[in-house]
Amino acid sequence: MQGPQMMLTLIYRANIFVVNAARPSLQMGRDDGNDIVVASLFASRLHARVEMRDGQFVLTDLSSNGTFVQVDGESGAEPDTPRSEVRLQQAALVLTGRGRLGLGKSAELHGDHSVRYSVQAETA
């Protein structure tokens, strides 16, 4: 028996984007051709891509300034307590749990320009 289908929800400026089996990838960046257009001078025109691969969500940095990933606290900790931040530079990372992405600048310091994310099971 197969487990539940997973989905990744991304929120930027009150807009909600979903990556799942029906929409297995999206792109983020400053250019209007991206799925998520981030209005920040720190973001590259094509900054990052998220792809669903084998039930996991892989974030790939395609930028010159890097993508910052801040994961919310572990279970047992306060749910919105951030952990340390990882900077991806032309590299990939599997997204788990929930947290924030900063395109070209720390997610903590990027305020309105950070992208919230959450990985969870899809509901029917």
PDB file of N, CA and C in Angstrom:
ATOM      1  N   MET A   1       0.845  -1.192   0.000  1.00  0.00           N
ATOM      2  CA  MET A   1       0.000   0.000   0.000  1.00  0.00           C
ATOM      3  C   MET A   1       0.884   1.248   0.000  1.00  0.00           C
ATOM      4  N   GLN A   2       0.507   2.204  -0.820  1.00  0.00           N
ATOM      5  CA  GLN A   2       1.285   3.415  -0.965  1.00  0.00           C
ATOM      6  C   GLN A   2       0.918   4.437   0.102  1.00  0.00           C
ATOM      7  N   GLY A   3       1.904   5.220   0.553  1.00  0.00           N
ATOM      8  CA  GLY A   3       1.659   6.250   1.547  1.00  0.00           C
ATOM      9  C   GLY A   3       0.929   7.434   0.933  1.00  0.00           C
ATOM     10  N   PRO A   4       0.638   8.439   1.747  1.00  0.00           N
ATOM     11  CA  PRO A   4      -0.092   9.603   1.243  1.00  0.00           C
ATOM     12  C   PRO A   4       0.742  10.392   0.236  1.00  0.00           C
ATOM     13  N   GLN A   5       0.071  11.020  -0.713  1.00  0.00           N
ATOM     14  CA  GLN A   5       0.747  11.897  -1.661  1.00  0.00           C
ATOM     15  C   GLN A   5       1.185  13.157  -0.917  1.00  0.00           C
ATOM     16  N   MET A   6       2.386  13.618  -1.205  1.00  0.00           N
ATOM     17  CA  MET A   6       2.905  14.800  -0.536  1.00  0.00           C
ATOM     18  C   MET A   6       2.754  16.023  -1.440  1.00  0.00           C
ATOM     19  N   MET A   7       2.715  17.191  -0.802  1.00  0.00           N
ATOM     20  CA  MET A   7       2.663  18.445  -1.537  1.00  0.00           C
ATOM     21  C   MET A   7       3.523  19.484  -0.829  1.00  0.00           C
ATOM     22  N   LEU A   8       4.015  20.419  -1.607  1.00  0.00           N
ATOM     23  CA  LEU A   8       4.789  21.537  -1.087  1.00  0.00           C
ATOM     24  C   LEU A   8       3.982  22.797  -1.349  1.00  0.00           C
ATOM     25  N   THR A   9       3.728  23.555  -0.290  1.00  0.00           N
ATOM     26  CA  THR A   9       3.028  24.828  -0.425  1.00  0.00           C
ATOM     27  C   THR A   9       4.045  25.944  -0.216  1.00  0.00           C
ATOM     28  N   LEU A  10       4.050  26.909  -1.122  1.00  0.00           N
ATOM     29  CA  LEU A  10       4.920  28.081  -1.026  1.00  0.00           C
ATOM     30  C   LEU A  10       4.037  29.319  -0.968  1.00  0.00           C
ATOM     31  N   ILE A  11       4.347  30.241  -0.066  1.00  0.00           N
ATOM     32  CA  ILE A  11       3.564  31.462   0.070  1.00  0.00           C
ATOM     33  C   ILE A  11       4.496  32.659  -0.078  1.00  0.00           C
ATOM     34  N   TYR A  12       4.154  33.534  -1.029  1.00  0.00           N
ATOM     35  CA  TYR A  12       4.906  34.775  -1.233  1.00  0.00           C
ATOM     36  C   TYR A  12       3.907  35.910  -1.387  1.00  0.00           C
ATOM     37  N   ARG A  13       3.984  36.879  -0.485  1.00  0.00           N
ATOM     38  CA  ARG A  13       3.118  38.058  -0.510  1.00  0.00           C
ATOM     39  C   ARG A  13       1.646  37.669  -0.652  1.00  0.00           C
ATOM     40  N   ALA A  14       1.183  36.767   0.188  1.00  0.00           N
ATOM     41  CA  ALA A  14      -0.211  36.305   0.262  1.00  0.00           C
ATOM     42  C   ALA A  14      -0.653  35.504  -0.961  1.00  0.00           C
ATOM     43  N   ASN A  15       0.264  35.168  -1.865  1.00  0.00           N
ATOM     44  CA  ASN A  15      -0.047  34.295  -2.991  1.00  0.00           C
ATOM     45  C   ASN A  15       0.424  32.890  -2.661  1.00  0.00           C
ATOM     46  N   ILE A  16      -0.408  31.887  -2.932  1.00  0.00           N
ATOM     47  CA  ILE A  16      -0.110  30.500  -2.586  1.00  0.00           C
ATOM     48  C   ILE A  16       0.199  29.718  -3.856  1.00  0.00           C
ATOM     49  N   PHE A  17       1.294  28.978  -3.829  1.00  0.00           N
ATOM     50  CA  PHE A  17       1.740  28.149  -4.946  1.00  0.00           C
ATOM     51  C   PHE A  17       1.916  26.726  -4.425  1.00  0.00           C
ATOM     52  N   VAL A  18       1.547  25.728  -5.237  1.00  0.00           N
ATOM     53  CA  VAL A  18       1.630  24.337  -4.810  1.00  0.00           C
ATOM     54  C   VAL A  18       2.463  23.543  -5.814  1.00  0.00           C
ATOM     55  N   VAL A  19       3.363  22.719  -5.276  1.00  0.00           N
ATOM     56  CA  VAL A  19       4.105  21.750  -6.081  1.00  0.00           C
ATOM     57  C   VAL A  19       3.621  20.378  -5.626  1.00  0.00           C
ATOM     58  N   ASN A  20       3.152  19.564  -6.583  1.00  0.00           N
ATOM     59  CA  ASN A  20       2.667  18.221  -6.273  1.00  0.00           C
ATOM     60  C   ASN A  20       2.750  17.382  -7.548  1.00  0.00           C
ATOM     61  N   ALA A  21       2.140  16.207  -7.544  1.00  0.00           N
ATOM     62  CA  ALA A  21       2.205  15.331  -8.713  1.00  0.00           C
ATOM     63  C   ALA A  21       1.597  15.999  -9.948  1.00  0.00           C
ATOM     64  N   ALA A  22       0.562  16.814  -9.758  1.00  0.00           N
ATOM     65  CA  ALA A  22      -0.081  17.497 -10.886  1.00  0.00           C
ATOM     66  C   ALA A  22       0.756  18.656 -11.419  1.00  0.00           C
ATOM     67  N   ARG A  23       1.530  19.285 -10.555  1.00  0.00           N
ATOM     68  CA  ARG A  23       2.425  20.389 -10.940  1.00  0.00           C
ATOM     69  C   ARG A  23       3.776  20.115 -10.293  1.00  0.00           C
ATOM     70  N   PRO A  24       4.636  19.332 -10.962  1.00  0.00           N
ATOM     71  CA  PRO A  24       5.838  18.818 -10.311  1.00  0.00           C
ATOM     72  C   PRO A  24       7.025  19.786 -10.209  1.00  0.00           C
ATOM     73  N   SER A  25       6.917  21.017 -10.741  1.00  0.00           N
ATOM     74  CA  SER A  25       8.030  21.947 -10.584  1.00  0.00           C
ATOM     75  C   SER A  25       7.552  23.381 -10.707  1.00  0.00           C
ATOM     76  N   LEU A  26       8.361  24.292 -10.173  1.00  0.00           N
ATOM     77  CA  LEU A  26       8.145  25.719 -10.386  1.00  0.00           C
ATOM     78  C   LEU A  26       9.457  26.449 -10.250  1.00  0.00           C
ATOM     79  N   GLN A  27       9.489  27.653 -10.812  1.00  0.00           N
ATOM     80  CA  GLN A  27      10.688  28.488 -10.790  1.00  0.00           C
ATOM     81  C   GLN A  27      10.396  29.776 -10.047  1.00  0.00           C
ATOM     82  N   MET A  28      11.452  30.301  -9.384  1.00  0.00           N
ATOM     83  CA  MET A  28      11.358  31.554  -8.646  1.00  0.00           C
ATOM     84  C   MET A  28      12.454  32.481  -9.110  1.00  0.00           C
ATOM     85  N   GLY A  29      12.170  33.757  -9.124  1.00  0.00           N
ATOM     86  CA  GLY A  29      13.177  34.740  -9.469  1.00  0.00           C
ATOM     87  C   GLY A  29      12.551  36.085  -9.752  1.00  0.00           C
ATOM     88  N   ARG A  30      13.389  37.004 -10.200  1.00  0.00           N
ATOM     89  CA  ARG A  30      12.975  38.394 -10.426  1.00  0.00           C
ATOM     90  C   ARG A  30      12.245  38.571 -11.758  1.00  0.00           C
ATOM     91  N   ASP A  31      12.520  37.709 -12.743  1.00  0.00           N
ATOM     92  CA  ASP A  31      11.949  37.839 -14.083  1.00  0.00           C
ATOM     93  C   ASP A  31      10.455  37.507 -14.087  1.00  0.00           C
ATOM     94  N   ASP A  32       9.685  38.241 -14.888  1.00  0.00           N
ATOM     95  CA  ASP A  32       8.234  38.036 -14.969  1.00  0.00           C
ATOM     96  C   ASP A  32       7.842  36.664 -15.493  1.00  0.00           C
ATOM     97  N   GLY A  33       8.745  35.925 -16.118  1.00  0.00           N
ATOM     98  CA  GLY A  33       8.447  34.604 -16.647  1.00  0.00           C
ATOM     99  C   GLY A  33       8.450  33.498 -15.596  1.00  0.00           C
ATOM    100  N   ASN A  34       8.832  33.805 -14.367  1.00  0.00           N
ATOM    101  CA  ASN A  34       8.870  32.807 -13.293  1.00  0.00           C
ATOM    102  C   ASN A  34       7.476  32.563 -12.728  1.00  0.00           C
ATOM    103  N   ASP A  35       7.285  31.402 -12.109  1.00  0.00           N
ATOM    104  CA  ASP A  35       6.027  31.100 -11.431  1.00  0.00           C
ATOM    105  C   ASP A  35       5.856  32.007 -10.219  1.00  0.00           C
ATOM    106  N   ILE A  36       6.928  32.160  -9.429  1.00  0.00           N
ATOM    107  CA  ILE A  36       6.925  33.095  -8.296  1.00  0.00           C
ATOM    108  C   ILE A  36       7.881  34.222  -8.650  1.00  0.00           C
ATOM    109  N   VAL A  37       7.323  35.419  -8.844  1.00  0.00           N
ATOM    110  CA  VAL A  37       8.132  36.583  -9.192  1.00  0.00           C
ATOM    111  C   VAL A  37       8.451  37.329  -7.905  1.00  0.00           C
ATOM    112  N   VAL A  38       9.732  37.318  -7.514  1.00  0.00           N
ATOM    113  CA  VAL A  38      10.185  37.940  -6.272  1.00  0.00           C
ATOM    114  C   VAL A  38      10.756  39.322  -6.601  1.00  0.00           C
ATOM    115  N   ALA A  39      10.079  40.350  -6.107  1.00  0.00           N
ATOM    116  CA  ALA A  39      10.436  41.732  -6.412  1.00  0.00           C
ATOM    117  C   ALA A  39      11.552  42.213  -5.496  1.00  0.00           C
ATOM    118  N   SER A  40      12.746  41.662  -5.699  1.00  0.00           N
ATOM    119  CA  SER A  40      13.902  42.032  -4.874  1.00  0.00           C
ATOM    120  C   SER A  40      15.137  42.127  -5.743  1.00  0.00           C
ATOM    121  N   LEU A  41      15.934  43.142  -5.508  1.00  0.00           N
ATOM    122  CA  LEU A  41      17.181  43.292  -6.270  1.00  0.00           C
ATOM    123  C   LEU A  41      18.195  42.212  -5.922  1.00  0.00           C
ATOM    124  N   PHE A  42      18.006  41.527  -4.793  1.00  0.00           N
ATOM    125  CA  PHE A  42      18.915  40.448  -4.400  1.00  0.00           C
ATOM    126  C   PHE A  42      18.627  39.161  -5.170  1.00  0.00           C
ATOM    127  N   ALA A  43      17.408  39.033  -5.706  1.00  0.00           N
ATOM    128  CA  ALA A  43      17.025  37.833  -6.451  1.00  0.00           C
ATOM    129  C   ALA A  43      17.555  37.910  -7.878  1.00  0.00           C
ATOM    130  N   SER A  44      18.040  36.788  -8.392  1.00  0.00           N
ATOM    131  CA  SER A  44      18.460  36.705  -9.791  1.00  0.00           C
ATOM    132  C   SER A  44      17.220  36.603 -10.674  1.00  0.00           C
ATOM    133  N   ARG A  45      17.402  36.863 -11.982  1.00  0.00           N
ATOM    134  CA  ARG A  45      16.253  36.758 -12.897  1.00  0.00           C
ATOM    135  C   ARG A  45      15.640  35.366 -12.829  1.00  0.00           C
ATOM    136  N   LEU A  46      16.455  34.329 -12.921  1.00  0.00           N
ATOM    137  CA  LEU A  46      16.025  32.951 -12.664  1.00  0.00           C
ATOM    138  C   LEU A  46      16.839  32.500 -11.471  1.00  0.00           C
ATOM    139  N   HIS A  47      16.219  32.488 -10.302  1.00  0.00           N
ATOM    140  CA  HIS A  47      16.967  32.309  -9.062  1.00  0.00           C
ATOM    141  C   HIS A  47      17.027  30.865  -8.586  1.00  0.00           C
ATOM    142  N   ALA A  48      15.876  30.184  -8.566  1.00  0.00           N
ATOM    143  CA  ALA A  48      15.842  28.829  -8.017  1.00  0.00           C
ATOM    144  C   ALA A  48      14.683  28.051  -8.636  1.00  0.00           C
ATOM    145  N   ARG A  49      14.804  26.731  -8.557  1.00  0.00           N
ATOM    146  CA  ARG A  49      13.758  25.835  -9.045  1.00  0.00           C
ATOM    147  C   ARG A  49      13.446  24.825  -7.955  1.00  0.00           C
ATOM    148  N   VAL A  50      12.163  24.481  -7.821  1.00  0.00           N
ATOM    149  CA  VAL A  50      11.737  23.412  -6.913  1.00  0.00           C
ATOM    150  C   VAL A  50      11.103  22.331  -7.780  1.00  0.00           C
ATOM    151  N   GLU A  51      11.552  21.080  -7.574  1.00  0.00           N
ATOM    152  CA  GLU A  51      11.034  19.953  -8.337  1.00  0.00           C
ATOM    153  C   GLU A  51      10.644  18.827  -7.405  1.00  0.00           C
ATOM    154  N   MET A  52       9.549  18.151  -7.739  1.00  0.00           N
ATOM    155  CA  MET A  52       9.152  16.958  -7.007  1.00  0.00           C
ATOM    156  C   MET A  52       9.877  15.784  -7.655  1.00  0.00           C
ATOM    157  N   ARG A  53      10.680  15.081  -6.854  1.00  0.00           N
ATOM    158  CA  ARG A  53      11.424  13.915  -7.333  1.00  0.00           C
ATOM    159  C   ARG A  53      11.234  12.779  -6.345  1.00  0.00           C
ATOM    160  N   ASP A  54      10.637  11.691  -6.808  1.00  0.00           N
ATOM    161  CA  ASP A  54      10.429  10.507  -5.965  1.00  0.00           C
ATOM    162  C   ASP A  54       9.770  10.854  -4.634  1.00  0.00           C
ATOM    163  N   GLY A  55       8.766  11.733  -4.676  1.00  0.00           N
ATOM    164  CA  GLY A  55       8.020  12.091  -3.470  1.00  0.00           C
ATOM    165  C   GLY A  55       8.705  13.102  -2.576  1.00  0.00           C
ATOM    166  N   GLN A  56       9.871  13.609  -3.005  1.00  0.00           N
ATOM    167  CA  GLN A  56      10.576  14.632  -2.234  1.00  0.00           C
ATOM    168  C   GLN A  56      10.606  15.919  -3.039  1.00  0.00           C
ATOM    169  N   PHE A  57      10.837  17.032  -2.355  1.00  0.00           N
ATOM    170  CA  PHE A  57      10.864  18.339  -2.999  1.00  0.00           C
ATOM    171  C   PHE A  57      12.290  18.877  -2.958  1.00  0.00           C
ATOM    172  N   VAL A  58      12.890  18.985  -4.135  1.00  0.00           N
ATOM    173  CA  VAL A  58      14.292  19.365  -4.251  1.00  0.00           C
ATOM    174  C   VAL A  58      14.367  20.826  -4.694  1.00  0.00           C
ATOM    175  N   LEU A  59      14.997  21.655  -3.866  1.00  0.00           N
ATOM    176  CA  LEU A  59      15.248  23.054  -4.178  1.00  0.00           C
ATOM    177  C   LEU A  59      16.639  23.152  -4.782  1.00  0.00           C
ATOM    178  N   THR A  60      16.751  23.739  -5.968  1.00  0.00           N
ATOM    179  CA  THR A  60      18.041  23.918  -6.630  1.00  0.00           C
ATOM    180  C   THR A  60      18.297  25.405  -6.815  1.00  0.00           C
ATOM    181  N   ASP A  61      19.426  25.883  -6.303  1.00  0.00           N
ATOM    182  CA  ASP A  61      19.817  27.280  -6.461  1.00  0.00           C
ATOM    183  C   ASP A  61      20.460  27.447  -7.834  1.00  0.00           C
ATOM    184  N   LEU A  62      20.009  28.430  -8.602  1.00  0.00           N
ATOM    185  CA  LEU A  62      20.530  28.715  -9.936  1.00  0.00           C
ATOM    186  C   LEU A  62      21.122  30.121 -10.004  1.00  0.00           C
ATOM    187  N   SER A  63      21.338  30.748  -8.860  1.00  0.00           N
ATOM    188  CA  SER A  63      21.651  32.175  -8.789  1.00  0.00           C
ATOM    189  C   SER A  63      23.129  32.461  -8.555  1.00  0.00           C
ATOM    190  N   SER A  64      23.434  33.759  -8.570  1.00  0.00           N
ATOM    191  CA  SER A  64      24.786  34.182  -8.219  1.00  0.00           C
ATOM    192  C   SER A  64      24.902  34.556  -6.742  1.00  0.00           C
ATOM    193  N   ASN A  65      23.794  34.949  -6.095  1.00  0.00           N
ATOM    194  CA  ASN A  65      23.829  35.357  -4.679  1.00  0.00           C
ATOM    195  C   ASN A  65      23.477  34.244  -3.708  1.00  0.00           C
ATOM    196  N   GLY A  66      22.980  33.110  -4.200  1.00  0.00           N
ATOM    197  CA  GLY A  66      22.628  31.998  -3.329  1.00  0.00           C
ATOM    198  C   GLY A  66      21.189  32.069  -2.829  1.00  0.00           C
ATOM    199  N   THR A  67      20.710  30.936  -2.345  1.00  0.00           N
ATOM    200  CA  THR A  67      19.382  30.825  -1.750  1.00  0.00           C
ATOM    201  C   THR A  67      19.553  30.397  -0.304  1.00  0.00           C
ATOM    202  N   PHE A  68      18.909  31.109   0.608  1.00  0.00           N
ATOM    203  CA  PHE A  68      19.021  30.846   2.036  1.00  0.00           C
ATOM    204  C   PHE A  68      17.795  30.066   2.491  1.00  0.00           C
ATOM    205  N   VAL A  69      18.020  28.966   3.205  1.00  0.00           N
ATOM    206  CA  VAL A  69      16.934  28.101   3.672  1.00  0.00           C
ATOM    207  C   VAL A  69      16.965  28.079   5.193  1.00  0.00           C
ATOM    208  N   GLN A  70      15.855  28.491   5.797  1.00  0.00           N
ATOM    209  CA  GLN A  70      15.739  28.505   7.250  1.00  0.00           C
ATOM    210  C   GLN A  70      14.568  27.588   7.608  1.00  0.00           C
ATOM    211  N   VAL A  71      14.871  26.476   8.295  1.00  0.00           N
ATOM    212  CA  VAL A  71      13.856  25.483   8.661  1.00  0.00           C
ATOM    213  C   VAL A  71      13.321  25.820  10.041  1.00  0.00           C
ATOM    214  N   ASP A  72      11.986  25.779  10.195  1.00  0.00           N
ATOM    215  CA  ASP A  72      11.387  26.012  11.514  1.00  0.00           C
ATOM    216  C   ASP A  72      11.839  24.923  12.484  1.00  0.00           C
ATOM    217  N   GLY A  73      11.676  25.187  13.790  1.00  0.00           N
ATOM    218  CA  GLY A  73      12.163  24.308  14.848  1.00  0.00           C
ATOM    219  C   GLY A  73      11.758  22.854  14.725  1.00  0.00           C
ATOM    220  N   GLU A  74      12.541  21.986  15.311  1.00  0.00           N
ATOM    221  CA  GLU A  74      12.287  20.545  15.322  1.00  0.00           C
ATOM    222  C   GLU A  74      11.052  20.253  16.161  1.00  0.00           C
ATOM    223  N   SER A  75      10.481  19.071  16.001  1.00  0.00           N
ATOM    224  CA  SER A  75       9.341  18.689  16.834  1.00  0.00           C
ATOM    225  C   SER A  75       9.788  18.674  18.298  1.00  0.00           C
ATOM    226  N   GLY A  76       8.913  19.122  19.155  1.00  0.00           N
ATOM    227  CA  GLY A  76       9.253  19.229  20.570  1.00  0.00           C
ATOM    228  C   GLY A  76       9.696  20.633  20.928  1.00  0.00           C
ATOM    229  N   ALA A  77      10.169  21.374  19.944  1.00  0.00           N
ATOM    230  CA  ALA A  77      10.546  22.768  20.170  1.00  0.00           C
ATOM    231  C   ALA A  77       9.341  23.647  19.835  1.00  0.00           C
ATOM    232  N   GLU A  78       9.454  24.916  20.120  1.00  0.00           N
ATOM    233  CA  GLU A  78       8.400  25.846  19.709  1.00  0.00           C
ATOM    234  C   GLU A  78       8.263  25.758  18.192  1.00  0.00           C
ATOM    235  N   PRO A  79       7.052  25.646  17.649  1.00  0.00           N
ATOM    236  CA  PRO A  79       6.881  25.401  16.226  1.00  0.00           C
ATOM    237  C   PRO A  79       7.441  26.485  15.312  1.00  0.00           C
ATOM    238  N   ASP A  80       7.472  27.735  15.744  1.00  0.00           N
ATOM    239  CA  ASP A  80       7.968  28.794  14.872  1.00  0.00           C
ATOM    240  C   ASP A  80       9.377  29.254  15.225  1.00  0.00           C
ATOM    241  N   THR A  81      10.080  28.468  16.033  1.00  0.00           N
ATOM    242  CA  THR A  81      11.449  28.806  16.387  1.00  0.00           C
ATOM    243  C   THR A  81      12.373  28.390  15.249  1.00  0.00           C
ATOM    244  N   PRO A  82      13.053  29.347  14.596  1.00  0.00           N
ATOM    245  CA  PRO A  82      13.910  28.967  13.480  1.00  0.00           C
ATOM    246  C   PRO A  82      15.172  28.257  13.938  1.00  0.00           C
ATOM    247  N   ARG A  83      15.626  27.351  13.097  1.00  0.00           N
ATOM    248  CA  ARG A  83      16.927  26.725  13.299  1.00  0.00           C
ATOM    249  C   ARG A  83      17.939  27.540  12.526  1.00  0.00           C
ATOM    250  N   SER A  84      19.136  27.047  12.448  1.00  0.00           N
ATOM    251  CA  SER A  84      20.148  27.757  11.694  1.00  0.00           C
ATOM    252  C   SER A  84      19.770  27.793  10.210  1.00  0.00           C
ATOM    253  N   GLU A  85      20.376  28.717   9.524  1.00  0.00           N
ATOM    254  CA  GLU A  85      20.069  28.927   8.121  1.00  0.00           C
ATOM    255  C   GLU A  85      21.184  28.340   7.265  1.00  0.00           C
ATOM    256  N   VAL A  86      20.803  27.725   6.152  1.00  0.00           N
ATOM    257  CA  VAL A  86      21.752  27.133   5.206  1.00  0.00           C
ATOM    258  C   VAL A  86      21.751  27.982   3.947  1.00  0.00           C
ATOM    259  N   ARG A  87      22.938  28.264   3.417  1.00  0.00           N
ATOM    260  CA  ARG A  87      23.042  28.998   2.157  1.00  0.00           C
ATOM    261  C   ARG A  87      23.421  28.023   1.048  1.00  0.00           C
ATOM    262  N   LEU A  88      22.562  27.908   0.042  1.00  0.00           N
ATOM    263  CA  LEU A  88      22.856  27.091  -1.136  1.00  0.00           C
ATOM    264  C   LEU A  88      23.477  27.975  -2.193  1.00  0.00           C
ATOM    265  N   GLN A  89      24.550  27.520  -2.785  1.00  0.00           N
ATOM    266  CA  GLN A  89      25.189  28.257  -3.880  1.00  0.00           C
ATOM    267  C   GLN A  89      25.402  27.273  -5.009  1.00  0.00           C
ATOM    268  N   GLN A  90      24.562  27.351  -6.055  1.00  0.00           N
ATOM    269  CA  GLN A  90      24.636  26.435  -7.192  1.00  0.00           C
ATOM    270  C   GLN A  90      24.586  24.985  -6.700  1.00  0.00           C
ATOM    271  N   ALA A  91      23.693  24.725  -5.755  1.00  0.00           N
ATOM    272  CA  ALA A  91      23.568  23.398  -5.147  1.00  0.00           C
ATOM    273  C   ALA A  91      22.090  23.084  -4.930  1.00  0.00           C
ATOM    274  N   ALA A  92      21.811  21.846  -4.497  1.00  0.00           N
ATOM    275  CA  ALA A  92      20.429  21.405  -4.276  1.00  0.00           C
ATOM    276  C   ALA A  92      20.258  20.906  -2.846  1.00  0.00           C
ATOM    277  N   LEU A  93      19.009  20.969  -2.360  1.00  0.00           N
ATOM    278  CA  LEU A  93      18.678  20.555  -1.008  1.00  0.00           C
ATOM    279  C   LEU A  93      17.245  20.033  -1.004  1.00  0.00           C
ATOM    280  N   VAL A  94      16.996  18.951  -0.263  1.00  0.00           N
ATOM    281  CA  VAL A  94      15.632  18.432  -0.109  1.00  0.00           C
ATOM    282  C   VAL A  94      14.944  19.245   0.989  1.00  0.00           C
ATOM    283  N   LEU A  95      13.785  19.831   0.662  1.00  0.00           N
ATOM    284  CA  LEU A  95      13.019  20.600   1.635  1.00  0.00           C
ATOM    285  C   LEU A  95      12.174  19.652   2.486  1.00  0.00           C
ATOM    286  N   THR A  96      12.186  19.870   3.789  1.00  0.00           N
ATOM    287  CA  THR A  96      11.372  19.082   4.714  1.00  0.00           C
ATOM    288  C   THR A  96      10.697  20.039   5.688  1.00  0.00           C
ATOM    289  N   GLY A  97       9.622  19.580   6.309  1.00  0.00           N
ATOM    290  CA  GLY A  97       8.949  20.390   7.329  1.00  0.00           C
ATOM    291  C   GLY A  97       8.435  21.691   6.766  1.00  0.00           C
ATOM    292  N   ARG A  98       8.781  22.764   7.478  1.00  0.00           N
ATOM    293  CA  ARG A  98       8.380  24.086   7.008  1.00  0.00           C
ATOM    294  C   ARG A  98       9.430  25.107   7.394  1.00  0.00           C
ATOM    295  N   GLY A  99       9.407  26.234   6.720  1.00  0.00           N
ATOM    296  CA  GLY A  99      10.389  27.269   6.989  1.00  0.00           C
ATOM    297  C   GLY A  99      10.271  28.408   5.997  1.00  0.00           C
ATOM    298  N   ARG A 100      11.420  29.065   5.753  1.00  0.00           N
ATOM    299  CA  ARG A 100      11.452  30.228   4.857  1.00  0.00           C
ATOM    300  C   ARG A 100      12.637  30.133   3.915  1.00  0.00           C
ATOM    301  N   LEU A 101      12.432  30.708   2.730  1.00  0.00           N
ATOM    302  CA  LEU A 101      13.491  30.803   1.729  1.00  0.00           C
ATOM    303  C   LEU A 101      13.805  32.274   1.502  1.00  0.00           C
ATOM    304  N   GLY A 102      15.078  32.593   1.463  1.00  0.00           N
ATOM    305  CA  GLY A 102      15.514  33.941   1.118  1.00  0.00           C
ATOM    306  C   GLY A 102      16.267  33.891  -0.193  1.00  0.00           C
ATOM    307  N   LEU A 103      15.814  34.636  -1.176  1.00  0.00           N
ATOM    308  CA  LEU A 103      16.457  34.629  -2.485  1.00  0.00           C
ATOM    309  C   LEU A 103      17.508  35.725  -2.543  1.00  0.00           C
ATOM    310  N   GLY A 104      18.775  35.323  -2.406  1.00  0.00           N
ATOM    311  CA  GLY A 104      19.881  36.263  -2.483  1.00  0.00           C
ATOM    312  C   GLY A 104      20.228  36.947  -1.185  1.00  0.00           C
ATOM    313  N   LYS A 105      19.433  36.740  -0.150  1.00  0.00           N
ATOM    314  CA  LYS A 105      19.657  37.393   1.146  1.00  0.00           C
ATOM    315  C   LYS A 105      19.040  36.514   2.226  1.00  0.00           C
ATOM    316  N   SER A 106      19.564  36.582   3.423  1.00  0.00           N
ATOM    317  CA  SER A 106      19.046  35.796   4.541  1.00  0.00           C
ATOM    318  C   SER A 106      17.526  35.907   4.639  1.00  0.00           C
ATOM    319  N   ALA A 107      16.859  34.771   4.808  1.00  0.00           N
ATOM    320  CA  ALA A 107      15.399  34.760   4.940  1.00  0.00           C
ATOM    321  C   ALA A 107      14.961  35.579   6.149  1.00  0.00           C
ATOM    322  N   GLU A 108      15.760  35.545   7.195  1.00  0.00           N
ATOM    323  CA  GLU A 108      15.459  36.290   8.423  1.00  0.00           C
ATOM    324  C   GLU A 108      15.452  37.795   8.151  1.00  0.00           C
ATOM    325  N   LEU A 109      16.384  38.256   7.331  1.00  0.00           N
ATOM    326  CA  LEU A 109      16.535  39.683   7.062  1.00  0.00           C
ATOM    327  C   LEU A 109      15.735  40.152   5.858  1.00  0.00           C
ATOM    328  N   HIS A 110      15.155  39.223   5.120  1.00  0.00           N
ATOM    329  CA  HIS A 110      14.532  39.555   3.842  1.00  0.00           C
ATOM    330  C   HIS A 110      13.071  39.969   3.972  1.00  0.00           C
ATOM    331  N   GLY A 111      12.496  39.826   5.157  1.00  0.00           N
ATOM    332  CA  GLY A 111      11.148  40.323   5.424  1.00  0.00           C
ATOM    333  C   GLY A 111      10.117  39.908   4.390  1.00  0.00           C
ATOM    334  N   ASP A 112       9.497  40.898   3.739  1.00  0.00           N
ATOM    335  CA  ASP A 112       8.435  40.648   2.760  1.00  0.00           C
ATOM    336  C   ASP A 112       8.898  39.835   1.569  1.00  0.00           C
ATOM    337  N   HIS A 113      10.185  39.782   1.330  1.00  0.00           N
ATOM    338  CA  HIS A 113      10.696  39.078   0.154  1.00  0.00           C
ATOM    339  C   HIS A 113      11.038  37.619   0.431  1.00  0.00           C
ATOM    340  N   SER A 114      10.857  37.150   1.658  1.00  0.00           N
ATOM    341  CA  SER A 114      11.096  35.734   1.922  1.00  0.00           C
ATOM    342  C   SER A 114       9.862  34.933   1.513  1.00  0.00           C
ATOM    343  N   VAL A 115      10.092  33.682   1.146  1.00  0.00           N
ATOM    344  CA  VAL A 115       9.025  32.782   0.700  1.00  0.00           C
ATOM    345  C   VAL A 115       8.841  31.716   1.778  1.00  0.00           C
ATOM    346  N   ARG A 116       7.631  31.618   2.340  1.00  0.00           N
ATOM    347  CA  ARG A 116       7.330  30.573   3.328  1.00  0.00           C
ATOM    348  C   ARG A 116       7.095  29.280   2.596  1.00  0.00           C
ATOM    349  N   TYR A 117       7.501  28.168   3.198  1.00  0.00           N
ATOM    350  CA  TYR A 117       7.210  26.876   2.590  1.00  0.00           C
ATOM    351  C   TYR A 117       6.760  25.880   3.651  1.00  0.00           C
ATOM    352  N   SER A 118       6.014  24.870   3.190  1.00  0.00           N
ATOM    353  CA  SER A 118       5.528  23.811   4.073  1.00  0.00           C
ATOM    354  C   SER A 118       5.338  22.539   3.253  1.00  0.00           C
ATOM    355  N   VAL A 119       5.890  21.435   3.743  1.00  0.00           N
ATOM    356  CA  VAL A 119       5.710  20.123   3.122  1.00  0.00           C
ATOM    357  C   VAL A 119       4.713  19.354   3.980  1.00  0.00           C
ATOM    358  N   GLN A 120       3.646  18.842   3.340  1.00  0.00           N
ATOM    359  CA  GLN A 120       2.645  18.088   4.077  1.00  0.00           C
ATOM    360  C   GLN A 120       1.943  17.099   3.161  1.00  0.00           C
ATOM    361  N   ALA A 121       1.159  16.193   3.752  1.00  0.00           N
ATOM    362  CA  ALA A 121       0.391  15.232   2.973  1.00  0.00           C
ATOM    363  C   ALA A 121      -0.791  15.952   2.334  1.00  0.00           C
ATOM    364  N   GLU A 122      -1.083  15.595   1.093  1.00  0.00           N
ATOM    365  CA  GLU A 122      -2.240  16.174   0.415  1.00  0.00           C
ATOM    366  C   GLU A 122      -3.510  15.619   1.013  1.00  0.00           C
ATOM    367  N   THR A 123      -4.501  16.467   1.140  1.00  0.00           N
ATOM    368  CA  THR A 123      -5.802  16.001   1.611  1.00  0.00           C
ATOM    369  C   THR A 123      -6.702  15.768   0.409  1.00  0.00           C
ATOM    370  N   ALA A 124      -7.568  14.790   0.519  1.00  0.00           N
ATOM    371  CA  ALA A 124      -8.428  14.423  -0.622  1.00  0.00           C
ATOM    372  C   ALA A 124      -9.459  15.481  -0.913  1.00  0.00           C
TER     373      ALA A 124
END
